[in-house]
N, C-alpha and C. Protein backbone atom coordinates (compact mmCIF):
# COMPACT_ATOMS: atom_id res chain seq x y z
N MET A 1 -13.84 -233.54 -148.62
CA MET A 1 -13.34 -234.05 -149.86
C MET A 1 -12.56 -232.99 -150.62
N PHE A 2 -13.12 -231.80 -150.78
CA PHE A 2 -12.44 -230.73 -151.48
C PHE A 2 -11.92 -229.71 -150.49
N GLN A 3 -10.90 -228.98 -150.91
CA GLN A 3 -10.43 -227.88 -150.08
C GLN A 3 -11.52 -226.84 -150.03
N SER A 4 -11.77 -226.27 -148.87
CA SER A 4 -12.89 -225.35 -148.74
C SER A 4 -12.54 -223.95 -149.19
N SER A 5 -11.28 -223.57 -149.20
CA SER A 5 -10.94 -222.22 -149.62
C SER A 5 -10.41 -222.24 -151.04
N SER A 6 -10.68 -221.16 -151.77
CA SER A 6 -10.20 -221.08 -153.14
C SER A 6 -8.84 -220.44 -153.21
N GLY A 7 -8.40 -219.81 -152.14
CA GLY A 7 -7.06 -219.25 -152.09
C GLY A 7 -6.10 -220.34 -151.73
N GLY A 8 -4.90 -219.96 -151.39
CA GLY A 8 -4.05 -220.99 -150.86
C GLY A 8 -2.65 -220.96 -151.38
N SER A 9 -2.07 -222.08 -151.31
CA SER A 9 -0.66 -222.27 -151.58
C SER A 9 -0.31 -221.96 -153.03
N SER A 10 0.83 -221.30 -153.20
CA SER A 10 1.31 -221.06 -154.55
C SER A 10 2.24 -222.17 -155.01
N ALA A 11 2.69 -222.99 -154.06
CA ALA A 11 3.56 -224.12 -154.41
C ALA A 11 2.72 -225.28 -154.91
N SER A 12 3.16 -225.91 -155.98
CA SER A 12 2.39 -227.03 -156.51
C SER A 12 2.82 -228.32 -155.81
N ALA A 13 1.85 -229.18 -155.61
CA ALA A 13 2.11 -230.49 -155.03
C ALA A 13 2.56 -231.42 -156.14
N PRO A 14 3.40 -232.41 -155.84
CA PRO A 14 3.80 -233.36 -156.88
C PRO A 14 2.58 -234.11 -157.40
N PHE A 15 2.52 -234.32 -158.69
CA PHE A 15 1.37 -234.98 -159.30
C PHE A 15 1.86 -235.91 -160.39
N ASN A 16 1.39 -237.13 -160.34
CA ASN A 16 1.70 -238.11 -161.38
C ASN A 16 0.41 -238.52 -162.06
N LEU A 17 0.44 -238.60 -163.38
CA LEU A 17 -0.74 -239.08 -164.10
C LEU A 17 -1.02 -240.52 -163.72
N PRO A 18 -2.31 -240.91 -163.75
CA PRO A 18 -2.64 -242.30 -163.45
C PRO A 18 -2.00 -243.24 -164.48
N THR A 19 -1.75 -244.46 -164.09
CA THR A 19 -1.21 -245.47 -165.00
C THR A 19 -2.19 -245.72 -166.13
N TYR A 20 -1.68 -245.81 -167.36
CA TYR A 20 -2.55 -246.07 -168.51
C TYR A 20 -3.12 -247.47 -168.43
N ARG A 21 -4.43 -247.55 -168.60
CA ARG A 21 -5.12 -248.84 -168.66
C ARG A 21 -6.14 -248.74 -169.79
N PRO A 22 -6.07 -249.62 -170.79
CA PRO A 22 -6.94 -249.51 -171.96
C PRO A 22 -8.43 -249.64 -171.65
N ASP A 23 -8.80 -250.18 -170.49
CA ASP A 23 -10.21 -250.31 -170.15
C ASP A 23 -10.72 -249.13 -169.31
N ARG A 24 -9.93 -248.07 -169.23
CA ARG A 24 -10.28 -246.91 -168.40
C ARG A 24 -10.22 -245.62 -169.22
N LEU A 25 -11.02 -244.67 -168.81
CA LEU A 25 -11.02 -243.34 -169.40
C LEU A 25 -10.67 -242.37 -168.29
N CYS A 26 -9.69 -241.52 -168.54
CA CYS A 26 -9.23 -240.57 -167.53
C CYS A 26 -9.73 -239.17 -167.88
N HIS A 27 -10.45 -238.55 -166.96
CA HIS A 27 -10.93 -237.19 -167.12
C HIS A 27 -10.01 -236.26 -166.34
N ILE A 28 -9.60 -235.17 -166.98
CA ILE A 28 -8.73 -234.20 -166.32
C ILE A 28 -9.40 -232.84 -166.40
N LEU A 29 -9.55 -232.21 -165.24
CA LEU A 29 -10.06 -230.84 -165.18
C LEU A 29 -8.91 -229.93 -164.79
N LEU A 30 -8.81 -228.81 -165.47
CA LEU A 30 -7.74 -227.85 -165.22
C LEU A 30 -8.36 -226.47 -165.22
N GLY A 31 -8.20 -225.73 -164.13
CA GLY A 31 -8.75 -224.38 -164.07
C GLY A 31 -8.85 -223.86 -162.65
N ASP A 32 -9.67 -222.86 -162.49
CA ASP A 32 -9.92 -222.23 -161.20
C ASP A 32 -10.53 -223.24 -160.22
N HIS A 33 -10.14 -223.17 -158.96
CA HIS A 33 -10.63 -224.12 -157.94
C HIS A 33 -12.15 -224.16 -157.91
N LYS A 34 -12.79 -223.02 -157.87
CA LYS A 34 -14.25 -222.96 -157.81
C LYS A 34 -14.88 -223.61 -159.04
N ALA A 35 -14.31 -223.37 -160.21
CA ALA A 35 -14.83 -223.94 -161.45
C ALA A 35 -14.69 -225.46 -161.46
N LEU A 36 -13.58 -225.98 -160.95
CA LEU A 36 -13.39 -227.43 -160.88
C LEU A 36 -14.45 -228.06 -159.98
N VAL A 37 -14.62 -227.50 -158.80
CA VAL A 37 -15.60 -228.04 -157.85
C VAL A 37 -17.00 -227.98 -158.46
N GLU A 38 -17.34 -226.88 -159.13
CA GLU A 38 -18.65 -226.75 -159.76
C GLU A 38 -18.86 -227.79 -160.85
N ALA A 39 -17.85 -228.01 -161.69
CA ALA A 39 -17.96 -229.01 -162.76
C ALA A 39 -18.12 -230.42 -162.19
N ILE A 40 -17.37 -230.73 -161.16
CA ILE A 40 -17.47 -232.04 -160.52
C ILE A 40 -18.87 -232.23 -159.92
N ASN A 41 -19.38 -231.21 -159.26
CA ASN A 41 -20.72 -231.28 -158.69
C ASN A 41 -21.78 -231.48 -159.77
N ARG A 42 -21.64 -230.79 -160.89
CA ARG A 42 -22.61 -230.95 -161.99
C ARG A 42 -22.60 -232.36 -162.56
N MET A 43 -21.41 -232.92 -162.75
CA MET A 43 -21.32 -234.29 -163.27
C MET A 43 -21.94 -235.29 -162.29
N ALA A 44 -21.78 -235.02 -161.00
CA ALA A 44 -22.39 -235.90 -159.98
C ALA A 44 -23.91 -235.78 -160.02
N VAL A 45 -24.44 -234.58 -160.15
CA VAL A 45 -25.89 -234.37 -160.22
C VAL A 45 -26.48 -235.05 -161.45
N LEU A 46 -25.74 -235.03 -162.54
CA LEU A 46 -26.19 -235.68 -163.78
C LEU A 46 -26.07 -237.20 -163.72
N GLY A 47 -25.43 -237.71 -162.68
CA GLY A 47 -25.28 -239.16 -162.52
C GLY A 47 -24.12 -239.75 -163.30
N TYR A 48 -23.23 -238.88 -163.80
CA TYR A 48 -22.11 -239.37 -164.58
C TYR A 48 -21.02 -239.98 -163.70
N CYS A 49 -20.84 -239.42 -162.51
CA CYS A 49 -19.80 -239.91 -161.61
C CYS A 49 -20.12 -239.50 -160.18
N GLU A 50 -19.43 -240.12 -159.25
CA GLU A 50 -19.52 -239.74 -157.85
C GLU A 50 -18.45 -238.68 -157.57
N LYS A 51 -18.77 -237.74 -156.70
CA LYS A 51 -17.78 -236.71 -156.35
C LYS A 51 -16.52 -237.32 -155.76
N ILE A 52 -16.67 -238.39 -155.02
CA ILE A 52 -15.49 -238.99 -154.38
C ILE A 52 -14.55 -239.67 -155.37
N ALA A 53 -14.98 -239.84 -156.63
CA ALA A 53 -14.13 -240.45 -157.65
C ALA A 53 -13.00 -239.51 -158.07
N TRP A 54 -13.16 -238.22 -157.84
CA TRP A 54 -12.17 -237.21 -158.23
C TRP A 54 -11.12 -237.03 -157.14
N ILE A 55 -9.88 -236.82 -157.55
CA ILE A 55 -8.87 -236.46 -156.55
C ILE A 55 -9.13 -235.01 -156.14
N ASP A 56 -8.76 -234.66 -154.92
CA ASP A 56 -8.90 -233.28 -154.47
C ASP A 56 -8.10 -232.37 -155.39
N PRO A 57 -8.67 -231.21 -155.75
CA PRO A 57 -7.92 -230.29 -156.61
C PRO A 57 -6.54 -229.95 -156.03
N ILE A 58 -5.55 -229.99 -156.90
CA ILE A 58 -4.16 -229.75 -156.52
C ILE A 58 -3.69 -228.50 -157.27
N PRO A 59 -3.02 -227.57 -156.58
CA PRO A 59 -2.47 -226.40 -157.29
C PRO A 59 -1.43 -226.84 -158.32
N THR A 60 -1.46 -226.22 -159.50
CA THR A 60 -0.51 -226.57 -160.55
C THR A 60 0.80 -225.80 -160.42
N GLY A 61 0.79 -224.73 -159.63
CA GLY A 61 1.96 -223.87 -159.53
C GLY A 61 1.77 -222.59 -160.33
N ARG A 62 0.77 -222.58 -161.20
CA ARG A 62 0.43 -221.35 -161.92
C ARG A 62 -0.64 -220.61 -161.11
N SER A 63 -0.61 -219.33 -161.14
CA SER A 63 -1.48 -218.49 -160.32
C SER A 63 -2.96 -218.86 -160.44
N GLY A 64 -3.55 -219.36 -159.35
CA GLY A 64 -4.98 -219.66 -159.29
C GLY A 64 -5.42 -220.90 -160.03
N GLU A 65 -4.50 -221.68 -160.59
CA GLU A 65 -4.87 -222.84 -161.39
C GLU A 65 -4.75 -224.13 -160.58
N TYR A 66 -5.73 -225.01 -160.76
CA TYR A 66 -5.78 -226.31 -160.08
C TYR A 66 -6.03 -227.41 -161.11
N ILE A 67 -5.70 -228.65 -160.70
CA ILE A 67 -5.97 -229.82 -161.53
C ILE A 67 -6.65 -230.88 -160.68
N SER A 68 -7.58 -231.61 -161.30
CA SER A 68 -8.23 -232.74 -160.64
C SER A 68 -8.42 -233.83 -161.70
N VAL A 69 -8.33 -235.08 -161.27
CA VAL A 69 -8.41 -236.22 -162.19
C VAL A 69 -9.41 -237.24 -161.68
N MET A 70 -10.13 -237.85 -162.61
CA MET A 70 -11.05 -238.94 -162.28
C MET A 70 -10.88 -240.02 -163.35
N THR A 71 -10.80 -241.25 -162.92
CA THR A 71 -10.69 -242.37 -163.85
C THR A 71 -11.95 -243.21 -163.74
N ARG A 72 -12.47 -243.59 -164.89
CA ARG A 72 -13.69 -244.41 -164.87
C ARG A 72 -13.55 -245.53 -165.87
N ARG A 73 -14.16 -246.64 -165.56
CA ARG A 73 -14.10 -247.84 -166.40
C ARG A 73 -14.95 -247.63 -167.66
N ILE A 74 -14.44 -248.08 -168.78
CA ILE A 74 -15.16 -248.00 -170.06
C ILE A 74 -15.97 -249.28 -170.24
N ALA A 75 -17.23 -249.12 -170.64
CA ALA A 75 -18.07 -250.29 -170.90
C ALA A 75 -17.53 -251.00 -172.14
N PRO A 76 -17.44 -252.33 -172.11
CA PRO A 76 -16.95 -253.07 -173.27
C PRO A 76 -17.87 -252.90 -174.48
N ALA A 77 -17.26 -252.81 -175.67
CA ALA A 77 -18.04 -252.69 -176.90
C ALA A 77 -18.75 -254.01 -177.18
N GLU A 78 -19.94 -253.90 -177.69
CA GLU A 78 -20.72 -255.11 -178.00
C GLU A 78 -20.67 -255.42 -179.45
């Protein structure tokens, strides 16, 4: 699911934000590859989300920086 090495390409992959949907909440993580993977794992352990809900970290083009996105449905207000 995730890239196993924290090093890698300096070229950024094309990335488009998810389409806006009012019934969804989009989480964006931006930072070091290891930190992103750790944060995703913690949220999964807490039961907030599944690891597979996140896109694989993508290099941003800035030195050592990655981005990952997860979209989750918002519960309707009562």
